[in-house]
Amino acid sequence: MAGSQRDPFSDHSYGYSDESTGFLTVSGSNLDIRGHFARQDAALPLQGLLAETIEKVIVPRLLLNFGVDTAAVVSAISAGTQLDRDTISGFCRLVVGADSRDAFRFVEILLERGVSVESILLDLMAPAARVMGELWESDLCSFVDVTVGLARIQQITRQIRPYGVGNLDISDQKGAILLVPSPGEQHTFGLKIVEEFFLRDGWDVDCLLRAGAEEIAAAVADKPYDIIGLTLGGQRLLEPLRSAITLSRYHSLNRSIKVIIGGVGLADYPDLKTLVEADACVADVNDAVILANSWVSKPATS
């Protein structure tokens, strides 16, 4: 039913539309970009017009309707400061909003203002996906909103992939890695972030978001991966993780395959590496890439 309801992403009341997925502000004037263009001098260069439109129309609209302060996000990320809950919630509203382009426009503005793709992935996208998951688990957000929101976050992640990356010849790839969650793991967006980091670093990456131990073993039996990267999200997944690693080592085409573990479950098991017979456990994606590179680095030849 249409009407006013509490916005789960903040302490403000928003209206919900049955005709579209997402939250729309009840009050506040929406800025009409067409009217803005109609008032411009026709001689103004297109690039300048677009820049002015971003500054005078799009950015204020994002702040007014969704509470997302572009300047504050740029400043916080540049200073290495974690974005606060209100900012992440504002981005969540963009993601589930009626206009699917709003969230991508916002990310484009961040890129134009010098924020790196890596920072956007780690400091904005991953926390937003986590907040949406928390709201769903707390029954504060509908399944439809979360599904649409996570799909849009993944779409934006794919769209920004080319930024700052040149064409990589396949012969220059550093190695091959298979990324997969522990069998039974439901939260997989973090693994997509890891995938992006390895792709941007020049790796051949395959990512399976739903696979049992046998399927993982079949994948490494079909292709000589250098590394398997798995995530552990909770205690109930420890045994499936151990089984997946054991089967994969047995069936792998690469008899020297390495296994690296990440995920929030690391905090529960300080001795996880020994428990599941992995080669390493790494909590930070940058550290994972550095470690993987050290495993496949070839000695310099004179």
Protein backbone atom coordinates (compact mmCIF):
# COMPACT_ATOMS: atom_id res chain seq x y z
CA MET A 1 0.00 0.00 0.00
CA ALA A 2 1.30 3.42 -0.94
CA GLY A 3 1.76 5.96 1.79
CA SER A 4 4.16 7.34 4.34
CA GLN A 5 6.37 4.93 6.25
CA ARG A 6 9.56 5.00 8.25
CA ASP A 7 12.64 4.83 6.08
CA PRO A 8 14.79 1.94 7.38
CA PHE A 9 17.94 3.67 6.19
CA SER A 10 17.55 6.73 8.41
CA ASP A 11 15.44 8.50 11.04
CA HIS A 12 13.37 10.36 8.44
CA SER A 13 9.93 9.54 7.07
CA TYR A 14 9.72 8.69 3.40
CA GLY A 15 6.95 7.74 1.03
CA TYR A 16 6.94 4.38 -0.66
CA SER A 17 5.64 3.90 -4.16
CA ASP A 18 3.97 0.67 -5.26
CA GLU A 19 4.79 1.50 -8.85
CA SER A 20 8.54 1.44 -8.34
CA THR A 21 11.01 -0.19 -6.02
CA GLY A 22 12.58 2.22 -3.60
CA PHE A 23 12.04 5.18 -1.31
CA LEU A 24 10.98 8.63 -2.49
CA THR A 25 11.01 11.77 -0.40
CA VAL A 26 7.58 13.00 0.65
CA SER A 27 8.68 16.62 0.91
CA GLY A 28 11.28 18.71 -0.89
CA SER A 29 11.15 19.99 -4.43
CA ASN A 30 12.60 17.74 -7.10
CA LEU A 31 14.91 19.65 -9.41
CA ASP A 32 14.01 19.38 -13.09
CA ILE A 33 17.12 19.05 -15.22
CA ARG A 34 15.19 19.93 -18.39
CA GLY A 35 14.29 23.35 -17.04
CA HIS A 36 17.92 23.92 -16.14
CA PHE A 37 19.08 23.17 -19.67
CA ALA A 38 16.37 25.42 -21.13
CA ARG A 39 17.79 28.42 -19.28
CA GLN A 40 21.36 27.96 -20.46
CA ASP A 41 23.13 30.04 -23.05
CA ALA A 42 23.24 27.98 -26.23
CA ALA A 43 26.84 29.04 -26.83
CA LEU A 44 28.07 27.46 -23.58
CA PRO A 45 30.43 24.56 -24.41
CA LEU A 46 28.88 21.15 -23.80
CA GLN A 47 31.58 20.08 -21.35
CA GLY A 48 31.11 23.19 -19.28
CA LEU A 49 27.34 22.73 -19.39
CA LEU A 50 27.64 19.18 -18.10
CA ALA A 51 30.01 20.23 -15.33
CA GLU A 52 27.71 23.05 -14.31
CA THR A 53 24.71 20.72 -14.39
CA ILE A 54 26.47 18.27 -12.10
CA GLU A 55 27.36 21.02 -9.64
CA LYS A 56 24.06 22.91 -9.71
CA VAL A 57 21.51 20.19 -10.37
CA ILE A 58 22.65 16.62 -9.77
CA VAL A 59 24.77 17.10 -6.65
CA PRO A 60 22.17 19.25 -4.82
CA ARG A 61 19.44 16.78 -5.81
CA LEU A 62 21.39 13.85 -4.37
CA LEU A 63 21.93 15.75 -1.14
CA LEU A 64 18.33 17.00 -0.90
CA ASN A 65 16.51 13.79 -1.78
CA PHE A 66 18.88 11.16 -0.45
CA GLY A 67 21.09 12.87 2.12
CA VAL A 68 24.28 12.01 0.27
CA ASP A 69 26.90 14.75 0.57
CA THR A 70 29.39 14.23 -2.26
CA ALA A 71 32.01 16.58 -0.84
CA ALA A 72 31.86 14.89 2.55
CA VAL A 73 32.31 11.45 0.99
CA VAL A 74 35.30 12.60 -1.07
CA SER A 75 36.86 14.25 1.98
CA ALA A 76 36.34 11.23 4.25
CA ILE A 77 37.65 8.66 1.77
CA SER A 78 40.64 10.81 0.86
CA ALA A 79 41.52 11.14 4.55
CA GLY A 80 41.19 7.40 5.10
CA THR A 81 38.21 7.92 7.41
CA GLN A 82 35.42 5.37 7.55
CA LEU A 83 32.12 6.64 6.15
CA ASP A 84 29.44 7.06 8.80
CA ARG A 85 26.20 5.12 8.90
CA ASP A 86 24.11 8.05 7.63
CA THR A 87 26.26 8.39 4.51
CA ILE A 88 26.12 4.67 3.77
CA SER A 89 22.35 4.74 4.36
CA GLY A 90 22.01 7.62 1.93
CA PHE A 91 23.82 5.63 -0.73
CA CYS A 92 21.52 2.68 0.01
CA ARG A 93 18.54 4.94 -0.71
CA LEU A 94 20.15 5.86 -4.03
CA VAL A 95 20.63 2.21 -4.87
CA VAL A 96 17.03 1.18 -4.19
CA GLY A 97 15.55 4.42 -5.54
CA ALA A 98 13.08 4.72 -8.38
CA ASP A 99 15.76 6.00 -10.78
CA SER A 100 18.46 3.34 -11.06
CA ARG A 101 20.83 5.91 -12.59
CA ASP A 102 21.13 8.01 -9.43
CA ALA A 103 23.56 5.69 -7.67
CA PHE A 104 25.77 5.38 -10.74
CA ARG A 105 25.74 9.16 -11.23
CA PHE A 106 26.94 9.55 -7.68
CA VAL A 107 29.78 7.05 -8.19
CA GLU A 108 30.75 8.78 -11.43
CA ILE A 109 31.02 12.08 -9.56
CA LEU A 110 33.32 10.42 -7.00
CA LEU A 111 35.54 9.08 -9.79
CA GLU A 112 35.65 12.48 -11.48
CA ARG A 113 36.76 14.01 -8.18
CA GLY A 114 39.69 11.67 -7.83
CA VAL A 115 38.35 8.88 -5.62
CA SER A 116 39.89 5.57 -6.70
CA VAL A 117 37.85 2.58 -7.78
CA GLU A 118 39.45 0.56 -4.99
CA SER A 119 38.31 3.07 -2.37
CA ILE A 120 34.79 3.14 -3.80
CA LEU A 121 34.61 -0.65 -3.66
CA LEU A 122 35.96 -0.99 -0.11
CA ASP A 123 34.64 2.16 1.55
CA LEU A 124 31.26 2.56 -0.13
CA MET A 125 30.02 -0.49 -2.03
CA ALA A 126 30.94 -3.19 0.48
CA PRO A 127 29.51 -1.30 3.51
CA ALA A 128 26.32 -0.53 1.57
CA ALA A 129 25.83 -4.20 0.71
CA ARG A 130 26.46 -5.10 4.35
CA VAL A 131 23.92 -2.53 5.62
CA MET A 132 21.28 -3.80 3.21
CA GLY A 133 21.91 -7.34 4.37
CA GLU A 134 21.58 -6.29 8.00
CA LEU A 135 18.28 -4.52 7.30
CA TRP A 136 16.92 -7.60 5.56
CA GLU A 137 17.99 -9.90 8.39
CA SER A 138 16.35 -7.51 10.87
CA ASP A 139 13.15 -7.51 8.76
CA LEU A 140 13.44 -3.74 8.25
CA CYS A 141 13.74 -3.91 4.47
CA SER A 142 11.84 -5.99 1.94
CA PHE A 143 13.33 -8.87 0.02
CA VAL A 144 12.57 -7.02 -3.21
CA ASP A 145 14.47 -3.90 -2.12
CA VAL A 146 17.50 -5.90 -1.01
CA THR A 147 17.51 -8.03 -4.16
CA VAL A 148 17.23 -5.00 -6.44
CA GLY A 149 19.73 -3.03 -4.37
CA LEU A 150 22.41 -5.72 -4.39
CA ALA A 151 21.89 -6.31 -8.10
CA ARG A 152 22.39 -2.61 -8.78
CA ILE A 153 25.52 -2.49 -6.61
CA GLN A 154 26.97 -5.39 -8.57
CA GLN A 155 26.02 -3.68 -11.83
CA ILE A 156 27.81 -0.49 -10.78
CA THR A 157 30.82 -2.56 -9.74
CA ARG A 158 31.00 -4.02 -13.24
CA GLN A 159 30.46 -0.63 -14.88
CA ILE A 160 33.37 1.03 -13.09
CA ARG A 161 35.73 -1.89 -13.75
CA PRO A 162 37.48 -0.24 -16.76
CA TYR A 163 38.35 2.97 -14.85
CA GLY A 164 42.10 3.30 -14.42
CA VAL A 165 42.89 -0.05 -16.03
CA GLY A 166 44.58 -0.41 -19.39
CA ASN A 167 44.24 -3.33 -21.78
CA LEU A 168 46.00 -6.35 -20.33
CA ASP A 169 47.45 -8.92 -22.70
CA ILE A 170 46.54 -12.44 -21.65
CA SER A 171 50.23 -13.36 -21.75
CA ASP A 172 50.85 -10.76 -19.03
CA GLN A 173 48.39 -12.28 -16.57
CA LYS A 174 50.08 -13.00 -13.26
CA GLY A 175 48.24 -16.21 -12.49
CA ALA A 176 44.87 -17.91 -12.28
CA ILE A 177 42.68 -17.82 -9.17
CA LEU A 178 39.35 -19.42 -8.38
CA LEU A 179 37.22 -17.45 -5.90
CA VAL A 180 34.38 -19.21 -4.14
CA PRO A 181 32.47 -18.90 -0.85
CA SER A 182 32.40 -21.77 1.60
CA PRO A 183 29.65 -24.18 0.57
CA GLY A 184 26.40 -22.91 2.08
CA GLU A 185 27.54 -19.28 2.37
CA GLN A 186 24.74 -16.83 1.48
CA HIS A 187 26.59 -13.50 1.65
CA THR A 188 28.73 -13.33 -1.46
CA PHE A 189 29.10 -9.67 -2.43
CA GLY A 190 32.39 -9.40 -0.56
CA LEU A 191 33.79 -12.04 -2.89
CA LYS A 192 32.84 -9.87 -5.88
CA ILE A 193 34.92 -7.09 -4.35
CA VAL A 194 37.87 -9.48 -4.09
CA GLU A 195 37.30 -10.46 -7.72
CA GLU A 196 37.53 -6.84 -8.82
CA PHE A 197 40.82 -6.32 -6.96
CA PHE A 198 42.43 -9.37 -8.54
CA LEU A 199 41.13 -8.46 -12.01
CA ARG A 200 42.52 -4.95 -11.67
CA ASP A 201 45.86 -6.40 -10.60
CA GLY A 202 46.13 -8.49 -13.77
CA TRP A 203 44.90 -11.89 -12.68
CA ASP A 204 42.85 -14.47 -14.56
CA VAL A 205 39.86 -14.74 -12.20
CA ASP A 206 36.94 -17.14 -12.08
CA CYS A 207 34.30 -16.59 -9.42
CA LEU A 208 31.68 -19.17 -8.42
CA LEU A 209 29.06 -17.69 -6.10
CA ARG A 210 27.18 -20.92 -5.47
CA ALA A 211 29.14 -24.19 -5.38
CA GLY A 212 29.37 -27.29 -3.23
CA ALA A 213 32.60 -29.06 -2.36
CA GLU A 214 32.25 -31.41 -5.33
CA GLU A 215 31.69 -28.53 -7.76
CA ILE A 216 34.74 -26.68 -6.45
CA ALA A 217 36.82 -29.84 -6.82
CA ALA A 218 35.52 -30.31 -10.37
CA ALA A 219 36.51 -26.73 -11.25
CA VAL A 220 40.13 -27.15 -10.11
CA ALA A 221 40.26 -30.54 -11.83
CA ASP A 222 39.36 -28.84 -15.10
CA LYS A 223 41.76 -25.87 -14.96
CA PRO A 224 45.22 -25.57 -13.36
CA TYR A 225 44.53 -22.70 -10.97
CA ASP A 226 47.43 -21.31 -9.00
CA ILE A 227 45.22 -20.38 -6.06
CA ILE A 228 41.80 -21.05 -4.58
CA GLY A 229 40.41 -18.18 -2.54
CA LEU A 230 37.55 -19.08 -0.19
CA THR A 231 35.53 -17.04 2.30
CA LEU A 232 34.24 -18.15 5.68
CA GLY A 233 31.18 -16.36 7.01
CA GLY A 234 30.25 -18.32 10.12
CA GLN A 235 30.95 -21.28 12.38
CA ARG A 236 28.43 -23.60 10.75
CA LEU A 237 30.44 -23.40 7.52
CA LEU A 238 33.71 -24.69 8.97
CA GLU A 239 33.19 -28.34 8.08
CA PRO A 240 31.97 -27.63 4.52
CA LEU A 241 35.02 -25.39 4.08
CA ARG A 242 37.37 -28.11 5.30
CA SER A 243 35.75 -30.66 2.95
CA ALA A 244 36.01 -28.31 -0.02
CA ILE A 245 39.72 -27.75 0.59
CA THR A 246 40.47 -31.46 1.05
CA LEU A 247 38.63 -32.46 -2.13
CA SER A 248 40.15 -29.62 -4.13
CA ARG A 249 43.71 -30.50 -3.18
CA TYR A 250 43.08 -34.12 -4.11
CA HIS A 251 41.56 -33.39 -7.53
CA SER A 252 43.50 -30.27 -8.56
CA LEU A 253 45.38 -30.30 -11.87
CA ASN A 254 47.97 -28.14 -10.14
CA ARG A 255 49.46 -30.33 -7.44
CA SER A 256 51.01 -27.25 -5.82
CA ILE A 257 47.79 -25.23 -5.65
CA LYS A 258 47.62 -22.70 -2.83
CA VAL A 259 44.57 -22.07 -0.63
CA ILE A 260 43.84 -18.69 0.92
CA ILE A 261 40.93 -17.98 3.29
CA GLY A 262 39.19 -14.67 4.00
CA GLY A 263 35.89 -13.45 5.38
CA VAL A 264 34.34 -12.33 8.64
CA GLY A 265 34.61 -15.85 10.08
CA LEU A 266 38.36 -15.42 10.52
CA ALA A 267 37.76 -13.61 13.80
CA ASP A 268 36.15 -16.74 15.28
CA TYR A 269 39.10 -18.99 14.52
CA PRO A 270 42.60 -17.67 15.25
CA ASP A 271 43.96 -21.09 14.23
CA LEU A 272 41.79 -21.45 11.12
CA LYS A 273 44.77 -22.02 8.83
CA THR A 274 45.66 -25.19 10.73
CA LEU A 275 42.04 -26.31 11.22
CA VAL A 276 41.25 -26.41 7.49
CA GLU A 277 44.80 -26.98 6.20
CA ALA A 278 44.94 -23.75 4.24
CA ASP A 279 48.12 -21.98 3.18
CA ALA A 280 47.10 -18.59 4.55
CA CYS A 281 44.27 -16.62 6.16
CA VAL A 282 44.06 -12.95 5.19
CA ALA A 283 41.51 -10.39 6.38
CA ASP A 284 42.45 -7.54 4.01
CA VAL A 285 41.93 -7.79 0.26
CA ASN A 286 45.06 -5.78 -0.51
CA ASP A 287 47.12 -8.16 1.62
CA ALA A 288 45.53 -11.08 -0.23
CA VAL A 289 46.62 -9.69 -3.60
CA ILE A 290 50.16 -9.02 -2.35
CA LEU A 291 50.44 -12.54 -0.92
CA ALA A 292 49.07 -14.12 -4.11
CA ASN A 293 51.60 -12.19 -6.18
CA SER A 294 54.42 -13.45 -3.98
CA TRP A 295 53.29 -17.02 -4.57
CA VAL A 296 53.35 -16.78 -8.36
CA SER A 297 56.19 -14.31 -8.88
CA LYS A 298 58.82 -15.60 -11.25
CA PRO A 299 62.53 -15.01 -10.54
CA ALA A 300 64.12 -12.36 -12.73
CA THR A 301 66.27 -13.70 -15.56
CA SER A 302 69.41 -11.98 -16.77
